[in-house]
Amino acid sequence: MGSWQLQEAKARFSEFLDAALKEGPQVVTRRGVEAAVLVPIGEWRRIKSASRPGIKELLRAGPRFENLIPPRRKWKRRAPVEFE
């Protein structure tokens, strides 16, 4: 995985893109701190399809999780206390 400074990546974007396509993900640094990664589209799609669905997708999927919450039990009531 290569590493590019932001200024260098901007100035030589074609080379930056070619490096990502040939060598794999390329890291962009800003002031020496890793800031972003350029990933080939095939790898990006593979990563996205392998990731777990988010809460939005789970809620849109419908009643898929009906049995997660057990049914409620009946209340157990004690006999009333009688005062004399």
N, C-alpha and C. Protein backbone atom coordinates (compact mmCIF):
# COMPACT_ATOMS: atom_id res chain seq x y z
N MET A 1 0.85 -1.17 0.00
CA MET A 1 0.00 0.00 0.00
C MET A 1 0.90 1.23 0.00
N GLY A 2 0.71 2.06 -1.01
CA GLY A 2 1.52 3.27 -1.12
C GLY A 2 0.98 4.40 -0.28
N SER A 3 1.82 5.39 -0.07
CA SER A 3 1.44 6.56 0.70
C SER A 3 1.83 7.81 -0.07
N TRP A 4 0.90 8.74 -0.18
CA TRP A 4 1.12 9.99 -0.92
C TRP A 4 0.77 11.17 -0.05
N GLN A 5 1.57 12.24 -0.14
CA GLN A 5 1.20 13.48 0.51
C GLN A 5 0.10 14.12 -0.32
N LEU A 6 -0.77 14.88 0.31
CA LEU A 6 -1.92 15.48 -0.36
C LEU A 6 -1.50 16.32 -1.56
N GLN A 7 -0.47 17.16 -1.39
CA GLN A 7 -0.04 18.02 -2.49
C GLN A 7 0.44 17.19 -3.68
N GLU A 8 1.17 16.12 -3.39
CA GLU A 8 1.70 15.26 -4.44
C GLU A 8 0.55 14.51 -5.15
N ALA A 9 -0.42 14.04 -4.39
CA ALA A 9 -1.56 13.33 -4.98
C ALA A 9 -2.38 14.26 -5.88
N LYS A 10 -2.54 15.51 -5.46
CA LYS A 10 -3.29 16.47 -6.28
C LYS A 10 -2.53 16.81 -7.55
N ALA A 11 -1.24 17.03 -7.43
CA ALA A 11 -0.44 17.44 -8.59
C ALA A 11 -0.28 16.31 -9.60
N ARG A 12 -0.21 15.07 -9.11
CA ARG A 12 0.02 13.93 -10.01
C ARG A 12 -1.11 12.92 -9.88
N PHE A 13 -2.34 13.40 -10.03
CA PHE A 13 -3.51 12.55 -9.80
C PHE A 13 -3.55 11.35 -10.74
N SER A 14 -3.18 11.52 -11.99
CA SER A 14 -3.20 10.39 -12.94
C SER A 14 -2.29 9.27 -12.46
N GLU A 15 -1.10 9.62 -12.00
CA GLU A 15 -0.18 8.61 -11.48
C GLU A 15 -0.72 7.99 -10.19
N PHE A 16 -1.34 8.82 -9.39
CA PHE A 16 -1.95 8.37 -8.14
C PHE A 16 -3.04 7.33 -8.42
N LEU A 17 -3.89 7.62 -9.41
CA LEU A 17 -4.96 6.70 -9.79
C LEU A 17 -4.39 5.42 -10.39
N ASP A 18 -3.39 5.55 -11.26
CA ASP A 18 -2.75 4.36 -11.86
C ASP A 18 -2.14 3.47 -10.78
N ALA A 19 -1.52 4.08 -9.79
CA ALA A 19 -0.91 3.31 -8.71
C ALA A 19 -1.98 2.54 -7.92
N ALA A 20 -3.13 3.17 -7.71
CA ALA A 20 -4.22 2.49 -7.00
C ALA A 20 -4.73 1.31 -7.81
N LEU A 21 -4.85 1.48 -9.12
CA LEU A 21 -5.35 0.40 -9.97
C LEU A 21 -4.36 -0.75 -10.10
N LYS A 22 -3.07 -0.44 -10.12
CA LYS A 22 -2.05 -1.48 -10.31
C LYS A 22 -1.58 -2.10 -9.00
N GLU A 23 -1.36 -1.29 -7.98
CA GLU A 23 -0.75 -1.76 -6.73
C GLU A 23 -1.74 -1.97 -5.60
N GLY A 24 -2.94 -1.44 -5.73
CA GLY A 24 -3.93 -1.56 -4.66
C GLY A 24 -4.13 -0.24 -3.95
N PRO A 25 -4.77 -0.26 -2.80
CA PRO A 25 -5.12 0.97 -2.08
C PRO A 25 -3.92 1.89 -1.85
N GLN A 26 -4.17 3.19 -1.99
CA GLN A 26 -3.15 4.21 -1.79
C GLN A 26 -3.63 5.17 -0.69
N VAL A 27 -2.77 5.41 0.26
CA VAL A 27 -3.10 6.28 1.40
C VAL A 27 -2.68 7.71 1.09
N VAL A 28 -3.54 8.65 1.44
CA VAL A 28 -3.23 10.08 1.29
C VAL A 28 -3.00 10.64 2.69
N THR A 29 -1.89 11.36 2.85
CA THR A 29 -1.60 11.97 4.15
C THR A 29 -1.70 13.49 4.05
N ARG A 30 -2.12 14.08 5.14
CA ARG A 30 -2.18 15.54 5.25
C ARG A 30 -1.39 15.90 6.50
N ARG A 31 -0.32 16.65 6.30
CA ARG A 31 0.58 17.04 7.40
C ARG A 31 1.09 15.81 8.15
N GLY A 32 1.37 14.74 7.42
CA GLY A 32 1.93 13.53 8.01
C GLY A 32 0.93 12.60 8.67
N VAL A 33 -0.35 12.96 8.66
CA VAL A 33 -1.39 12.14 9.28
C VAL A 33 -2.24 11.51 8.17
N GLU A 34 -2.46 10.19 8.26
CA GLU A 34 -3.27 9.52 7.26
C GLU A 34 -4.67 10.11 7.25
N ALA A 35 -5.15 10.51 6.05
CA ALA A 35 -6.44 11.20 5.96
C ALA A 35 -7.46 10.44 5.11
N ALA A 36 -7.01 9.73 4.07
CA ALA A 36 -7.94 9.06 3.18
C ALA A 36 -7.24 7.93 2.44
N VAL A 37 -8.05 7.10 1.76
CA VAL A 37 -7.51 5.99 0.98
C VAL A 37 -8.21 5.97 -0.37
N LEU A 38 -7.44 5.81 -1.43
CA LEU A 38 -8.01 5.63 -2.76
C LEU A 38 -7.97 4.14 -3.06
N VAL A 39 -9.15 3.57 -3.33
CA VAL A 39 -9.29 2.13 -3.52
C VAL A 39 -9.90 1.87 -4.90
N PRO A 40 -9.41 0.86 -5.64
CA PRO A 40 -10.03 0.52 -6.92
C PRO A 40 -11.50 0.15 -6.73
N ILE A 41 -12.34 0.44 -7.73
CA ILE A 41 -13.78 0.26 -7.60
C ILE A 41 -14.17 -1.19 -7.34
N GLY A 42 -13.45 -2.14 -7.91
CA GLY A 42 -13.76 -3.55 -7.68
C GLY A 42 -13.59 -3.94 -6.23
N GLU A 43 -12.53 -3.46 -5.64
CA GLU A 43 -12.29 -3.75 -4.22
C GLU A 43 -13.31 -3.05 -3.35
N TRP A 44 -13.68 -1.82 -3.71
CA TRP A 44 -14.68 -1.07 -2.95
C TRP A 44 -16.02 -1.82 -2.95
N ARG A 45 -16.43 -2.30 -4.10
CA ARG A 45 -17.70 -3.03 -4.18
C ARG A 45 -17.65 -4.32 -3.37
N ARG A 46 -16.50 -5.00 -3.39
CA ARG A 46 -16.35 -6.22 -2.60
C ARG A 46 -16.47 -5.91 -1.10
N ILE A 47 -15.83 -4.84 -0.68
CA ILE A 47 -15.89 -4.45 0.73
C ILE A 47 -17.31 -4.08 1.12
N LYS A 48 -18.00 -3.32 0.27
CA LYS A 48 -19.37 -2.90 0.58
C LYS A 48 -20.32 -4.08 0.65
N SER A 49 -20.17 -5.05 -0.25
CA SER A 49 -21.08 -6.19 -0.24
C SER A 49 -20.81 -7.12 0.94
N ALA A 50 -19.58 -7.13 1.43
CA ALA A 50 -19.23 -7.99 2.56
C ALA A 50 -19.59 -7.37 3.90
N SER A 51 -19.85 -6.07 3.92
CA SER A 51 -20.14 -5.41 5.19
C SER A 51 -21.54 -5.75 5.67
N ARG A 52 -21.75 -5.65 6.96
CA ARG A 52 -23.06 -5.94 7.54
C ARG A 52 -24.02 -4.82 7.19
N PRO A 53 -25.31 -5.12 7.08
CA PRO A 53 -26.27 -4.06 6.80
C PRO A 53 -26.41 -3.10 7.97
N GLY A 54 -26.69 -1.85 7.67
CA GLY A 54 -26.88 -0.85 8.70
C GLY A 54 -28.27 -0.93 9.29
N ILE A 55 -28.53 -0.11 10.28
CA ILE A 55 -29.82 -0.12 10.95
C ILE A 55 -30.94 0.25 9.98
N LYS A 56 -30.65 1.15 9.05
CA LYS A 56 -31.66 1.58 8.08
C LYS A 56 -32.12 0.39 7.23
N GLU A 57 -31.17 -0.39 6.72
CA GLU A 57 -31.51 -1.54 5.90
C GLU A 57 -32.25 -2.60 6.71
N LEU A 58 -31.84 -2.79 7.97
CA LEU A 58 -32.51 -3.77 8.82
C LEU A 58 -33.97 -3.39 9.07
N LEU A 59 -34.21 -2.10 9.33
CA LEU A 59 -35.58 -1.67 9.58
C LEU A 59 -36.44 -1.74 8.33
N ARG A 60 -35.85 -1.45 7.19
CA ARG A 60 -36.60 -1.53 5.93
C ARG A 60 -36.90 -2.97 5.53
N ALA A 61 -36.13 -3.92 6.02
CA ALA A 61 -36.31 -5.32 5.65
C ALA A 61 -37.62 -5.88 6.17
N GLY A 62 -38.20 -5.26 7.15
CA GLY A 62 -39.48 -5.73 7.65
C GLY A 62 -39.35 -6.62 8.87
N PRO A 63 -40.42 -7.37 9.15
CA PRO A 63 -40.46 -8.17 10.39
C PRO A 63 -39.60 -9.43 10.31
N ARG A 64 -38.32 -9.22 10.17
CA ARG A 64 -37.38 -10.32 10.09
C ARG A 64 -36.95 -10.80 11.47
N PHE A 65 -37.13 -9.98 12.46
CA PHE A 65 -36.63 -10.27 13.79
C PHE A 65 -37.79 -10.43 14.78
N GLU A 66 -38.81 -11.17 14.39
CA GLU A 66 -39.99 -11.30 15.23
C GLU A 66 -39.70 -12.04 16.54
N ASN A 67 -38.83 -13.03 16.50
CA ASN A 67 -38.62 -13.88 17.66
C ASN A 67 -37.45 -13.44 18.55
N LEU A 68 -36.96 -12.25 18.36
CA LEU A 68 -35.84 -11.79 19.18
C LEU A 68 -36.28 -11.50 20.61
N ILE A 69 -37.48 -10.97 20.77
CA ILE A 69 -37.97 -10.62 22.09
C ILE A 69 -38.94 -11.71 22.52
N PRO A 70 -38.66 -12.38 23.64
CA PRO A 70 -39.55 -13.45 24.09
C PRO A 70 -40.91 -12.89 24.50
N PRO A 71 -41.94 -13.70 24.42
CA PRO A 71 -43.27 -13.20 24.84
C PRO A 71 -43.27 -12.88 26.33
N ARG A 72 -44.10 -11.94 26.70
CA ARG A 72 -44.20 -11.55 28.11
C ARG A 72 -44.86 -12.65 28.92
N ARG A 73 -44.41 -12.76 30.15
CA ARG A 73 -45.00 -13.74 31.04
C ARG A 73 -46.16 -13.11 31.79
N LYS A 74 -47.04 -13.95 32.29
CA LYS A 74 -48.17 -13.47 33.09
C LYS A 74 -47.65 -12.97 34.43
N TRP A 75 -48.33 -11.99 34.96
CA TRP A 75 -47.97 -11.46 36.27
C TRP A 75 -48.30 -12.51 37.33
N LYS A 76 -47.40 -12.66 38.26
CA LYS A 76 -47.67 -13.52 39.41
C LYS A 76 -48.10 -12.61 40.56
N ARG A 77 -49.34 -12.72 40.93
CA ARG A 77 -49.83 -11.86 42.00
C ARG A 77 -49.94 -12.64 43.30
N ARG A 78 -49.53 -11.99 44.34
CA ARG A 78 -49.68 -12.59 45.66
C ARG A 78 -51.10 -12.39 46.15
N ALA A 79 -51.48 -13.27 47.00
CA ALA A 79 -52.82 -13.11 47.61
C ALA A 79 -52.80 -11.86 48.46
N PRO A 80 -53.90 -11.12 48.48
CA PRO A 80 -53.94 -9.89 49.29
C PRO A 80 -53.81 -10.19 50.78
N VAL A 81 -53.18 -9.30 51.46
CA VAL A 81 -53.00 -9.43 52.89
C VAL A 81 -54.26 -8.93 53.57
N GLU A 82 -54.76 -9.72 54.48
CA GLU A 82 -55.99 -9.31 55.19
C GLU A 82 -55.61 -8.76 56.57
N PHE A 83 -56.14 -7.61 56.88
CA PHE A 83 -55.87 -6.97 58.17
C PHE A 83 -57.03 -7.24 59.11
N GLU A 84 -56.76 -7.37 60.38
CA GLU A 84 -57.81 -7.61 61.36
C GLU A 84 -58.24 -6.35 62.02
